[in-house]
Every structure is written in structure tokens, then in C-alpha cells.
Amino acid sequence: MIRATDEWVTFERHFQQIIQLSAKTVGQNRLVYSPSWVKAQAALIQFGQQAGLTAMVDHYGNVYLDFPGEDDRVIATGSHMDTVRNGGKFDGLYGVLGGLQAITMLKTRFGAPRHTLRLISFSEEEGSRFNTTFSGSKYYALHQSVGSLSDQNGISFEQARSQAVEQLQAINHVMVKRPALPISFTELHIEQGPRLINAHAAIGLVSGIVGQRRWSVTVHGTSNHAGTTPMNDRHDALQAAVTIIYQLNELAHHLSPNLTFTVGQLTVSPNTSNVIPGTVQFTIDARHADDHLLDRFEQLIGETLNRQTDPHIKYALKRYVQDLPATFDANLLARNQQLAQQLSLTSQVMVSGAGHDSYVMNQVTPTTMLFVPSEGGISHAPTELTYPADLKNGIQLLMASLHAQSY
């Protein structure tokens, strides 16, 4: 149990110090390599050094805080420091600071572990500043580098990265290093959905992450005058797009109740009130734990486009994301289930509908995730909320899991 009041006060103080960096904005705004992101990672390094942990920063700005053990095998936990624009307080940050809290409590109570304990604060997961996701964990785990990308202000990824990381690596007693991979990774995170709240469960034991695909659909019709073109002589790209979206939404519901279907972005051209739209582009995001079902849905998208009857309207479909479903380590899952029972925490095994750094880490080491409830199922918004009792439950279980693995 988190029994000492000062331990919880320390977590709260760390948490408030980080979120106050976005006090003058709507929601949390720690876009990767921004000034608030640099300050947050620097503060984390300070927290770790004050707790007696060894700090490392690699060339992508991932922060590693180690509590050395008797051997060089590493048990790791952590999450990401960046946020979406106008994001919530808990997404990512809870797993970072909760992981730090769990490690420092283990250090205080049990001394040196058999295996080294490591906290990782990944530089970027969200893809909110540059058109790339998981760049921090991909750099660490897969040695993948980001290509030539720029943000909406024309600042290149490379320029932003080098300037921000240089500041972190200049902090006293920070080693410039990308350390060896751990033998396990556990990510503590808010659920970002309503399932735990609806089930009245304290903990989500994550068995894997859904597969995800994204497509862009371009509809080419004919622009014309809104007042002089008869209704039966129109080739309206927007009306065609609306019909397709409705049909695909119906197909998704019938294919599987667990298939999520989202059209999140739509661009209309020429986007003028008195002109019939000539070109429309929209995105489709679909997610499910079964990749074969996503294959089937992609086939249905193509069939739906081919069924449209106006020969003057043309369609183009392009898939630009195809992430396979991930299955997490069964042994870690079973152990966490036993530990939750021992701690009298009600739990539910579940698949994550959102992507996480664990998706990347799972490709190189046994991985598991722990969820705590999100009030109202709200996330990626300033109203994101997880209550203190639930935060404590998650840290308590993480601490037990790390102890079982490291001591």
C-alpha cells in the first residue's frame, strides 16, 4: 500500500509541477521538443536525481532513470511525456510519474534490487507536432529515425530535436546514452475509455492492442454554380462522400460491434457556399483486434466505392497506416492478475483500442500494460480525469509487479 502520506505528497508535487508548465493554455500542451516539453523532461531528470537515480538522455530526448541492481538485466516501466494539443493531465504523464513513484518507493523499502529498475520517459508518442508517432520508443527499441519532416510553422524535426535534446544533455551528471533494452516493460496508463468505469473495475489488465488502419479517400466530381445547375445534372463530390461515409458506417456496425470506424478529417474544395464541391478528401480510421476482419473491411471499402453509379464521379483510395494487432506477454499478464487479487483490486482483462509505446516495446521485449479508470471515458481533452484513489491503485499494482520481477 501507499501508506506514507509524504510519498503521495511527493507524487502530487511532481505532478503539479509538470502540469503547471501549461497553466497559461487550454489543457496540457507539451508538444515534443517545445519549451514546455524541455522543461518537463528537465524537471523529471531533477526528480530522479534527487531520488538517487542515474539519469541518461539519448539523441531523441528519451529520458532514462536507473536504480542499479545486482546485475545488468533491466526491468523497465514508463510512458511518454508529450501531449496532444490542448490535452488532458494524465495521458502519458501518469505512467511516467507513477513509474518514478513506484521505483522510489521500492528503493526506500527494499533497497537494491536483483535486476536494475528503469523508468523511461519517451520523447514522443502522440504525433501532434510532426506527422509521425512513437518516434521516441521507435528510436530506442527499433533504432528507427524520423525522416525529413516539418511542423506547421516550418520548423524541421531535426532542428527542433537537436536544440531541445542539447539542453537536456547539458544538465549536470546526465549521461548521453541510449542504454541496452530491458528484459521486460510495463506501462501504467489511464484507460482513455469507459469500460472500467462501466464494469466498476479498479484495474484494466491489457492483453494487447488492436490493429489499426487508416485510409484517405478522394472523391473527384464537378464544380459548378450552385444556383444555375439543375439538381439532376450535378456531380457533387460532397454529396457522394456523405453517401459513402453513411454506407461504410453501416457496414462497420454489421461487420463487428467491436470494429471502430471514424471519419475524422474532411476537406472540401473549393469550399465556397455558392459552388458545388468538385473535390472532397476524407480519412477513415478503423481498429479491431482481428487483422483478418480489418482485411475484410478494407475489401468492403473498395466494393462500396466501386458500386457508386455516377460515371462522372471518380474515387481514389489510399491506405497510409497498417499497424498489426499486438498480443502482450501472457506470463506478465497472469502475474499481474494474481497480484491484483492479492491487493483486493477488482480487475478486467481487456484489449486497448488506442496505440501506446507498449506497442513498439512489445516487438523487442516481454511487455504488459496496466490501466486505471478514466472518469466518463474522456481523454485527449482538458476534462480528462482520474481520481486519486484510482491513481494510487495503479501505482500500488505497478509497484507490486516491479517488485515481483526485480527482487
Protein backbone atom coordinates (compact mmCIF):
# COMPACT_ATOMS: atom_id res chain seq x y z
CA MET A 1 0.00 0.00 0.00
CA ILE A 2 0.99 3.64 -0.49
CA ARG A 3 0.83 4.09 3.25
CA ALA A 4 3.10 7.05 3.93
CA THR A 5 1.50 10.44 3.41
CA ASP A 6 4.76 12.04 2.30
CA GLU A 7 5.10 9.50 -0.53
CA TRP A 8 1.77 10.56 -2.01
CA VAL A 9 2.63 14.23 -1.40
CA THR A 10 5.81 13.74 -3.43
CA PHE A 11 3.83 12.29 -6.35
CA GLU A 12 1.33 15.15 -6.17
CA ARG A 13 4.12 17.75 -6.03
CA HIS A 14 5.85 16.27 -9.06
CA PHE A 15 2.55 16.04 -10.92
CA GLN A 16 1.56 19.64 -10.19
CA GLN A 17 4.99 20.94 -11.15
CA ILE A 18 4.71 19.39 -14.60
CA ILE A 19 1.12 20.35 -15.37
CA GLN A 20 1.74 23.94 -14.25
CA LEU A 21 4.00 24.29 -17.28
CA SER A 22 0.78 24.50 -19.34
CA ALA A 23 -1.07 26.75 -16.87
CA LYS A 24 -1.48 29.56 -19.42
CA THR A 25 -3.00 27.35 -22.12
CA VAL A 26 -6.23 25.42 -22.61
CA GLY A 27 -5.37 21.92 -21.45
CA GLN A 28 -1.89 20.44 -21.46
CA ASN A 29 0.47 21.39 -24.28
CA ARG A 30 3.80 19.56 -24.20
CA LEU A 31 4.34 19.02 -27.89
CA VAL A 32 7.59 17.20 -28.49
CA TYR A 33 10.70 19.41 -28.29
CA SER A 34 8.66 22.51 -27.37
CA PRO A 35 9.86 24.72 -24.47
CA SER A 36 7.29 23.19 -22.09
CA TRP A 37 8.37 19.68 -23.13
CA VAL A 38 12.03 20.54 -22.43
CA LYS A 39 11.13 21.94 -19.02
CA ALA A 40 9.08 18.84 -18.20
CA GLN A 41 11.82 16.37 -19.14
CA ALA A 42 14.36 18.50 -17.28
CA ALA A 43 12.14 18.50 -14.18
CA LEU A 44 11.83 14.72 -14.39
CA ILE A 45 15.61 14.39 -14.50
CA GLN A 46 15.80 16.55 -11.39
CA PHE A 47 13.17 14.41 -9.62
CA GLY A 48 15.13 11.27 -10.44
CA GLN A 49 18.50 12.64 -9.41
CA GLN A 50 17.05 13.87 -6.12
CA ALA A 51 15.84 10.31 -5.51
CA GLY A 52 19.32 8.93 -6.15
CA LEU A 53 18.66 7.54 -9.64
CA THR A 54 21.10 7.63 -12.54
CA ALA A 55 19.96 9.83 -15.44
CA MET A 56 20.56 9.22 -19.15
CA VAL A 57 19.29 11.05 -22.23
CA ASP A 58 19.60 9.70 -25.76
CA HIS A 59 19.71 11.64 -29.02
CA TYR A 60 15.90 11.71 -29.36
CA GLY A 61 15.34 13.10 -25.90
CA ASN A 62 14.16 9.90 -24.25
CA VAL A 63 14.96 10.14 -20.53
CA TYR A 64 16.10 7.04 -18.62
CA LEU A 65 16.32 6.96 -14.81
CA ASP A 66 18.02 3.85 -13.41
CA PHE A 67 18.14 2.33 -9.94
CA PRO A 68 21.06 -0.10 -10.40
CA GLY A 69 20.64 -3.68 -9.27
CA GLU A 70 22.99 -6.56 -8.58
CA ASP A 71 23.23 -7.41 -12.29
CA ASP A 72 22.85 -5.55 -15.58
CA ARG A 73 19.47 -7.03 -16.50
CA VAL A 74 16.81 -4.32 -16.57
CA ILE A 75 13.13 -4.27 -15.60
CA ALA A 76 11.60 -1.14 -17.15
CA THR A 77 8.45 0.89 -16.80
CA GLY A 78 7.36 4.25 -18.18
CA SER A 79 5.28 6.11 -20.73
CA HIS A 80 5.50 9.31 -22.81
CA MET A 81 5.99 12.96 -21.84
CA ASP A 82 4.38 14.64 -24.86
CA THR A 83 0.69 15.50 -25.17
CA VAL A 84 -1.81 16.22 -27.89
CA ARG A 85 -2.76 19.87 -28.37
CA ASN A 86 -4.99 21.01 -25.52
CA GLY A 87 -4.71 17.57 -23.97
CA GLY A 88 -5.52 16.15 -20.56
CA LYS A 89 -3.43 15.99 -17.39
CA PHE A 90 -3.00 12.24 -17.09
CA ASP A 91 -2.33 10.77 -20.54
CA GLY A 92 1.32 9.68 -20.58
CA LEU A 93 2.38 11.75 -17.58
CA TYR A 94 0.67 9.41 -15.12
CA GLY A 95 2.71 6.46 -16.37
CA VAL A 96 5.93 8.47 -16.17
CA LEU A 97 5.45 9.89 -12.67
CA GLY A 98 3.63 6.80 -11.41
CA GLY A 99 6.58 4.72 -12.56
CA LEU A 100 9.01 7.03 -10.83
CA GLN A 101 6.95 6.84 -7.64
CA ALA A 102 6.86 3.03 -7.73
CA ILE A 103 10.62 2.76 -8.22
CA THR A 104 11.49 5.26 -5.49
CA MET A 105 9.16 3.52 -3.02
CA LEU A 106 10.77 0.17 -3.83
CA LYS A 107 14.19 1.77 -3.32
CA THR A 108 13.17 3.14 0.07
CA ARG A 109 11.53 -0.03 1.36
CA PHE A 110 13.60 -2.85 -0.10
CA GLY A 111 16.97 -1.39 -1.05
CA ALA A 112 18.94 -2.54 -4.07
CA PRO A 113 17.09 -4.94 -6.41
CA ARG A 114 18.45 -8.05 -8.05
CA HIS A 115 17.76 -6.57 -11.51
CA THR A 116 18.13 -2.88 -12.35
CA LEU A 117 14.90 -0.87 -12.29
CA ARG A 118 14.47 1.69 -15.06
CA LEU A 119 11.98 4.46 -15.67
CA ILE A 120 11.64 5.58 -19.29
CA SER A 121 10.03 8.85 -20.33
CA PHE A 122 9.64 8.56 -24.08
CA SER A 123 10.04 11.78 -26.01
CA GLU A 124 7.04 11.47 -28.32
CA GLU A 125 4.09 9.15 -28.80
CA GLU A 126 1.18 11.34 -29.92
CA GLY A 127 2.22 12.66 -33.34
CA SER A 128 0.75 16.08 -32.55
CA ARG A 129 3.60 18.29 -33.76
CA PHE A 130 5.14 16.24 -36.56
CA ASN A 131 3.45 13.70 -38.81
CA THR A 132 4.99 10.72 -37.05
CA THR A 133 4.08 8.69 -33.98
CA PHE A 134 6.05 6.72 -31.37
CA SER A 135 9.30 8.34 -32.55
CA GLY A 136 10.83 8.04 -29.07
CA SER A 137 10.13 4.36 -28.49
CA LYS A 138 10.89 3.50 -32.11
CA TYR A 139 14.30 5.14 -31.77
CA TYR A 140 15.02 3.29 -28.52
CA ALA A 141 13.59 -0.12 -29.34
CA LEU A 142 13.86 -0.38 -33.12
CA HIS A 143 16.66 2.10 -33.92
CA GLN A 144 14.32 3.89 -36.34
CA SER A 145 14.95 7.54 -37.17
CA VAL A 146 12.48 10.16 -38.39
CA GLY A 147 12.95 11.41 -41.93
CA SER A 148 12.57 14.92 -43.30
CA LEU A 149 9.51 16.35 -41.56
CA SER A 150 8.45 19.86 -40.56
CA ASP A 151 5.77 21.17 -38.22
CA GLN A 152 3.04 23.67 -39.17
CA ASN A 153 5.48 26.54 -38.59
CA GLY A 154 8.07 25.12 -40.95
CA ILE A 155 10.46 24.01 -38.19
CA SER A 156 12.10 20.74 -39.14
CA PHE A 157 12.08 17.73 -36.86
CA GLU A 158 15.86 17.66 -36.94
CA GLN A 159 16.20 21.32 -35.93
CA ALA A 160 13.68 21.01 -33.11
CA ARG A 161 15.20 17.73 -31.90
CA SER A 162 18.79 18.91 -31.80
CA GLN A 163 18.01 22.18 -29.99
CA ALA A 164 15.79 20.55 -27.38
CA VAL A 165 17.92 17.47 -26.70
CA GLU A 166 21.08 19.54 -26.39
CA GLN A 167 19.53 21.34 -23.41
CA LEU A 168 18.71 18.08 -21.63
CA GLN A 169 22.09 16.51 -22.28
CA ALA A 170 23.78 19.60 -20.81
CA ILE A 171 22.21 19.03 -17.37
CA ASN A 172 24.78 18.17 -14.71
CA HIS A 173 25.52 14.45 -14.21
CA VAL A 174 23.36 13.38 -17.19
CA MET A 175 24.91 10.67 -19.34
CA VAL A 176 24.41 10.88 -23.09
CA LYS A 177 23.41 7.32 -23.85
CA ARG A 178 20.85 5.01 -25.40
CA PRO A 179 21.00 2.12 -22.90
CA ALA A 180 20.51 -1.56 -23.63
CA LEU A 181 16.99 -2.92 -23.92
CA PRO A 182 15.21 -4.22 -20.81
CA ILE A 183 14.10 -7.81 -20.25
CA SER A 184 10.54 -6.58 -19.65
CA PHE A 185 8.50 -3.40 -19.99
CA THR A 186 5.36 -2.41 -18.07
CA GLU A 187 3.35 0.69 -18.96
CA LEU A 188 0.95 2.26 -16.49
CA HIS A 189 -1.73 4.35 -18.20
CA ILE A 190 -5.22 5.72 -17.88
CA GLU A 191 -7.73 3.70 -19.87
CA GLN A 192 -8.94 6.61 -22.07
CA GLY A 193 -12.29 4.87 -22.42
CA PRO A 194 -15.38 3.92 -20.37
CA ARG A 195 -15.04 0.16 -19.97
CA LEU A 196 -13.51 0.10 -16.48
CA ILE A 197 -15.97 2.71 -15.24
CA ASN A 198 -18.89 0.76 -16.70
CA ALA A 199 -17.63 -2.51 -15.20
CA HIS A 200 -16.86 -0.93 -11.80
CA ALA A 201 -13.35 -2.37 -12.06
CA ALA A 202 -10.29 -0.80 -10.47
CA ILE A 203 -7.66 -2.12 -12.88
CA GLY A 204 -7.51 -2.99 -16.56
CA LEU A 205 -5.10 -5.82 -17.37
CA VAL A 206 -4.23 -5.20 -21.01
CA SER A 207 -3.77 -8.32 -23.11
CA GLY A 208 -2.88 -6.47 -26.31
CA ILE A 209 -3.57 -3.57 -28.66
CA VAL A 210 -5.94 -3.52 -31.58
CA GLY A 211 -4.74 -3.37 -35.15
CA GLN A 212 -5.21 -0.03 -36.83
CA ARG A 213 -5.60 1.04 -40.43
CA ARG A 214 -6.07 4.47 -41.94
CA TRP A 215 -7.08 5.37 -45.44
CA SER A 216 -7.61 8.55 -47.39
CA VAL A 217 -10.49 8.67 -49.87
CA THR A 218 -10.50 11.28 -52.63
CA VAL A 219 -13.74 11.99 -54.47
CA HIS A 220 -13.50 13.90 -57.76
CA GLY A 221 -16.74 15.41 -59.04
CA THR A 222 -17.50 18.61 -60.97
CA SER A 223 -17.56 22.13 -59.54
CA ASN A 224 -20.39 24.26 -60.83
CA HIS A 225 -22.69 27.13 -59.99
CA ALA A 226 -24.95 26.43 -57.01
CA GLY A 227 -27.88 28.39 -58.42
CA THR A 228 -27.90 27.56 -62.10
CA THR A 229 -27.06 23.84 -62.13
CA PRO A 230 -30.18 21.62 -62.03
CA MET A 231 -30.23 19.04 -59.27
CA ASN A 232 -30.40 16.12 -61.71
CA ASP A 233 -27.35 17.43 -63.61
CA ARG A 234 -24.95 17.67 -60.69
CA HIS A 235 -21.84 15.64 -59.92
CA ASP A 236 -21.44 16.77 -56.32
CA ALA A 237 -18.34 15.34 -54.67
CA LEU A 238 -19.53 16.19 -51.16
CA GLN A 239 -22.92 14.51 -51.55
CA ALA A 240 -21.15 11.44 -52.92
CA ALA A 241 -18.74 11.44 -49.97
CA VAL A 242 -21.59 11.75 -47.45
CA THR A 243 -23.34 8.75 -49.05
CA ILE A 244 -20.17 6.66 -48.90
CA ILE A 245 -19.49 7.58 -45.28
CA TYR A 246 -23.03 6.60 -44.29
CA GLN A 247 -22.75 3.27 -46.13
CA LEU A 248 -19.37 2.45 -44.58
CA ASN A 249 -20.62 3.31 -41.11
CA GLU A 250 -23.50 0.85 -41.56
CA LEU A 251 -21.14 -1.84 -42.87
CA ALA A 252 -18.78 -1.38 -39.92
CA HIS A 253 -21.63 -1.80 -37.42
CA HIS A 254 -22.80 -5.00 -39.11
CA LEU A 255 -19.31 -6.46 -39.52
CA SER A 256 -18.43 -6.36 -35.81
CA PRO A 257 -19.66 -4.41 -32.77
CA ASN A 258 -16.01 -4.08 -31.74
CA LEU A 259 -14.87 -2.53 -35.02
CA THR A 260 -14.37 1.21 -34.57
CA PHE A 261 -14.98 3.41 -37.61
CA THR A 262 -14.08 7.09 -37.65
CA VAL A 263 -14.04 9.77 -40.31
CA GLY A 264 -12.04 12.41 -38.51
CA GLN A 265 -10.84 14.70 -41.27
CA LEU A 266 -12.70 16.06 -44.29
CA THR A 267 -11.53 18.63 -46.84
CA VAL A 268 -13.90 20.23 -49.34
CA SER A 269 -12.83 22.11 -52.46
CA PRO A 270 -13.42 24.85 -53.43
CA ASN A 271 -15.18 25.19 -50.03
CA THR A 272 -17.37 28.09 -51.12
CA SER A 273 -21.02 28.49 -50.13
CA ASN A 274 -22.34 29.07 -53.67
CA VAL A 275 -20.23 26.49 -55.54
CA ILE A 276 -20.98 22.78 -55.88
CA PRO A 277 -18.00 20.91 -54.34
CA GLY A 278 -15.74 19.44 -57.01
CA THR A 279 -13.26 17.54 -54.84
CA VAL A 280 -13.55 16.04 -51.37
CA GLN A 281 -10.95 14.16 -49.40
CA PHE A 282 -11.69 12.37 -46.15
CA THR A 283 -9.90 9.97 -43.83
CA ILE A 284 -11.04 6.64 -42.42
CA ASP A 285 -9.67 5.18 -39.18
CA ALA A 286 -10.64 1.58 -38.40
CA ARG A 287 -9.42 -0.54 -35.48
CA HIS A 288 -10.00 -4.13 -34.34
CA ALA A 289 -8.12 -6.90 -32.56
CA ASP A 290 -8.51 -9.26 -35.56
CA ASP A 291 -6.40 -8.30 -38.58
CA HIS A 292 -8.44 -10.58 -40.86
CA LEU A 293 -11.53 -8.56 -40.03
CA LEU A 294 -9.67 -5.37 -40.98
CA ASP A 295 -8.77 -7.07 -44.28
CA ARG A 296 -12.46 -7.71 -44.84
CA PHE A 297 -13.40 -4.13 -44.02
CA GLU A 298 -10.79 -2.81 -46.45
CA GLN A 299 -12.32 -5.04 -49.10
CA LEU A 300 -15.76 -3.63 -48.29
CA ILE A 301 -14.46 -0.07 -48.67
CA GLY A 302 -13.25 -0.88 -52.17
CA GLU A 303 -16.51 -2.61 -53.08
CA THR A 304 -18.51 0.36 -51.79
CA LEU A 305 -16.54 2.79 -53.94
CA ASN A 306 -16.92 0.55 -56.99
CA ARG A 307 -20.71 0.37 -56.51
CA GLN A 308 -21.26 4.11 -56.95
CA THR A 309 -23.25 4.73 -60.11
CA ASP A 310 -22.39 8.26 -61.33
CA PRO A 311 -19.77 7.78 -64.10
CA HIS A 312 -18.71 11.43 -63.77
CA ILE A 313 -17.51 10.96 -60.19
CA LYS A 314 -14.18 9.21 -59.64
CA TYR A 315 -12.79 7.73 -56.42
CA ALA A 316 -9.26 7.07 -55.18
CA LEU A 317 -8.47 5.02 -52.08
CA LYS A 318 -5.06 5.02 -50.40
CA ARG A 319 -4.07 3.17 -47.24
CA TYR A 320 -1.37 5.05 -45.27
CA VAL A 321 -1.36 3.24 -41.92
CA GLN A 322 -1.39 -0.51 -41.31
CA ASP A 323 -0.46 -1.48 -37.76
CA LEU A 324 -0.95 -5.14 -36.92
CA PRO A 325 -2.67 -6.14 -33.67
CA ALA A 326 -0.30 -6.76 -30.75
CA THR A 327 -0.55 -9.52 -28.14
CA PHE A 328 1.22 -8.81 -24.87
CA ASP A 329 3.16 -11.27 -22.73
CA ALA A 330 0.87 -13.89 -21.18
CA ASN A 331 3.12 -14.58 -18.19
CA LEU A 332 3.26 -10.93 -17.14
CA LEU A 333 -0.49 -10.67 -17.59
CA ALA A 334 -1.13 -13.72 -15.41
CA ARG A 335 1.23 -12.47 -12.71
CA ASN A 336 -0.42 -9.05 -12.64
CA GLN A 337 -3.82 -10.71 -12.37
CA GLN A 338 -2.62 -12.65 -9.30
CA LEU A 339 -1.11 -9.53 -7.75
CA ALA A 340 -4.32 -7.57 -8.29
CA GLN A 341 -6.24 -10.30 -6.48
CA GLN A 342 -3.75 -10.27 -3.59
CA LEU A 343 -4.19 -6.48 -3.33
CA SER A 344 -8.01 -6.85 -3.42
CA LEU A 345 -8.20 -4.81 -6.63
CA THR A 346 -11.00 -5.78 -9.00
CA SER A 347 -9.63 -6.22 -12.49
CA GLN A 348 -10.74 -6.83 -16.04
CA VAL A 349 -8.69 -8.26 -18.90
CA MET A 350 -9.08 -6.04 -21.95
CA VAL A 351 -7.62 -5.08 -25.32
CA SER A 352 -6.54 -1.47 -25.77
CA GLY A 353 -8.29 0.45 -28.52
CA ALA A 354 -5.60 3.13 -28.50
CA GLY A 355 -1.97 2.87 -29.54
CA HIS A 356 0.78 3.13 -26.92
CA ASP A 357 4.57 2.94 -26.69
CA SER A 358 3.99 -0.60 -25.41
CA TYR A 359 3.03 -1.49 -28.98
CA VAL A 360 6.62 -0.75 -30.02
CA MET A 361 8.29 -2.18 -26.92
CA ASN A 362 6.33 -5.41 -27.35
CA GLN A 363 8.30 -6.04 -30.54
CA VAL A 364 11.59 -6.31 -28.64
CA THR A 365 10.81 -7.44 -25.07
CA PRO A 366 8.02 -9.06 -22.99
CA THR A 367 5.52 -6.26 -22.40
CA THR A 368 2.37 -5.61 -20.42
CA MET A 369 0.09 -2.67 -19.57
CA LEU A 370 -1.96 -1.63 -16.56
CA PHE A 371 -4.99 0.66 -16.96
CA VAL A 372 -6.81 2.72 -14.36
CA PRO A 373 -10.29 4.21 -14.95
CA SER A 374 -10.93 7.41 -16.88
CA GLU A 375 -13.97 9.22 -15.49
CA GLY A 376 -16.61 9.46 -18.21
CA GLY A 377 -14.27 7.68 -20.62
CA ILE A 378 -12.85 11.07 -21.60
CA SER A 379 -9.27 11.53 -22.80
CA HIS A 380 -7.24 13.80 -25.09
CA ALA A 381 -9.24 16.70 -23.64
CA PRO A 382 -8.81 19.19 -20.78
CA THR A 383 -11.64 17.48 -18.88
CA GLU A 384 -9.69 14.20 -18.66
CA LEU A 385 -9.98 12.95 -15.08
CA THR A 386 -8.80 10.01 -12.98
CA TYR A 387 -9.46 10.15 -9.25
CA PRO A 388 -6.64 9.98 -6.65
CA ALA A 389 -7.80 6.61 -5.30
CA ASP A 390 -7.53 5.11 -8.79
CA LEU A 391 -4.13 6.70 -9.35
CA LYS A 392 -2.92 5.13 -6.10
CA ASN A 393 -4.34 1.72 -7.06
CA GLY A 394 -2.40 1.73 -10.31
CA ILE A 395 0.87 2.73 -8.65
CA GLN A 396 0.30 0.13 -5.95
CA LEU A 397 -0.11 -2.65 -8.50
CA LEU A 398 2.81 -1.41 -10.59
CA MET A 399 4.99 -1.40 -7.51
CA ALA A 400 3.99 -4.99 -6.71
CA SER A 401 4.64 -6.08 -10.28
CA LEU A 402 8.07 -4.46 -10.43
CA HIS A 403 8.95 -5.97 -7.06
CA ALA A 404 7.96 -9.44 -8.25
CA GLN A 405 10.13 -9.04 -11.35
CA SER A 406 13.17 -7.34 -9.82
CA TYR A 407 13.70 -8.59 -6.27
